């Protein structure tokens, strides 16, 4: 559950950062070029940020899962002498 909350918080932070940049563009200068300056061409910067953050969260989860399996499954099972 903690990891799901972390994903939500991270998503909100990313959205907030891009929104601030877009909100700072003056109305009379609001062009696709200026928007692309904030979010990247075809929203590439946004996609890259989400991809990067999700990989960090996934790798943390995989590490925790591996440690759990070692501690609670493989450790108690012991070594197979055969």
Protein backbone atom coordinates (compact mmCIF):
# COMPACT_ATOMS: atom_id res chain seq x y z
CA UNK A 1 0.00 0.00 0.00
CA UNK A 2 2.89 2.33 0.79
CA UNK A 3 4.25 1.98 -2.75
CA UNK A 4 0.87 2.84 -4.26
CA UNK A 5 0.76 6.03 -2.19
CA UNK A 6 4.30 6.82 -3.34
CA UNK A 7 3.21 6.48 -6.99
CA UNK A 8 0.30 8.84 -6.36
CA UNK A 9 2.48 11.44 -4.62
CA UNK A 10 5.11 11.21 -7.38
CA UNK A 11 2.46 11.63 -10.08
CA UNK A 12 1.06 14.69 -8.32
CA UNK A 13 4.53 16.21 -8.01
CA UNK A 14 5.26 15.69 -11.71
CA UNK A 15 1.90 17.18 -12.68
CA UNK A 16 2.45 20.16 -10.38
CA UNK A 17 5.90 20.90 -11.84
CA UNK A 18 4.64 20.90 -15.42
CA UNK A 19 1.52 22.88 -14.49
CA UNK A 20 3.63 25.60 -12.88
CA UNK A 21 5.71 25.92 -16.04
CA UNK A 22 2.63 26.10 -18.29
CA UNK A 23 0.82 28.52 -15.95
CA UNK A 24 3.80 30.90 -16.11
CA UNK A 25 3.41 31.33 -19.89
CA UNK A 26 1.70 34.71 -20.49
CA UNK A 27 -1.62 34.52 -22.35
CA UNK A 28 -0.37 36.71 -25.18
CA UNK A 29 2.67 34.42 -25.66
CA UNK A 30 0.89 31.07 -25.20
CA UNK A 31 2.08 29.04 -28.18
CA UNK A 32 2.80 25.39 -28.88
CA UNK A 33 6.49 26.27 -28.90
CA UNK A 34 6.26 27.61 -25.35
CA UNK A 35 4.21 24.63 -24.17
CA UNK A 36 6.72 22.25 -25.77
CA UNK A 37 9.41 24.13 -23.87
CA UNK A 38 7.68 22.98 -20.68
CA UNK A 39 6.59 19.46 -21.54
CA UNK A 40 8.84 18.53 -24.45
CA UNK A 41 7.86 17.76 -28.01
CA UNK A 42 4.92 15.34 -28.02
CA UNK A 43 5.03 15.45 -24.19
CA UNK A 44 8.31 13.51 -24.26
CA UNK A 45 9.60 15.10 -21.04
CA UNK A 46 6.43 14.12 -19.17
CA UNK A 47 6.58 10.53 -20.45
CA UNK A 48 10.28 10.26 -19.59
CA UNK A 49 9.69 11.58 -16.05
CA UNK A 50 6.87 9.11 -15.40
CA UNK A 51 8.91 6.25 -16.86
CA UNK A 52 11.95 7.11 -14.74
CA UNK A 53 9.98 7.48 -11.50
CA UNK A 54 8.01 4.27 -12.10
CA UNK A 55 11.24 2.32 -12.69
CA UNK A 56 12.63 3.57 -9.38
CA UNK A 57 9.47 2.52 -7.54
CA UNK A 58 9.39 -0.88 -9.31
CA UNK A 59 13.04 -1.61 -8.52
CA UNK A 60 12.45 -0.75 -4.85
CA UNK A 61 9.44 -3.08 -4.78
CA UNK A 62 11.36 -5.91 -6.48
CA UNK A 63 14.19 -5.52 -3.97
CA UNK A 64 11.78 -5.62 -1.02
CA UNK A 65 10.03 -8.66 -2.49
CA UNK A 66 13.34 -10.46 -2.95
CA UNK A 67 14.35 -9.75 0.64
CA UNK A 68 10.96 -10.96 1.87
CA UNK A 69 11.29 -14.23 -0.07
CA UNK A 70 14.78 -14.84 1.27
CA UNK A 71 13.78 -14.13 4.86
CA UNK A 72 10.42 -15.91 5.01
CA UNK A 73 10.62 -18.62 2.33
CA UNK A 74 14.11 -19.65 1.38
CA UNK A 75 15.70 -19.15 4.81
CA UNK A 76 13.22 -21.31 6.76
CA UNK A 77 13.31 -23.99 4.05
CA UNK A 78 17.06 -24.43 4.57
CA UNK A 79 19.49 -26.04 2.17
CA UNK A 80 18.64 -29.13 0.15
CA UNK A 81 21.39 -31.67 0.83
CA UNK A 82 20.66 -33.46 -2.46
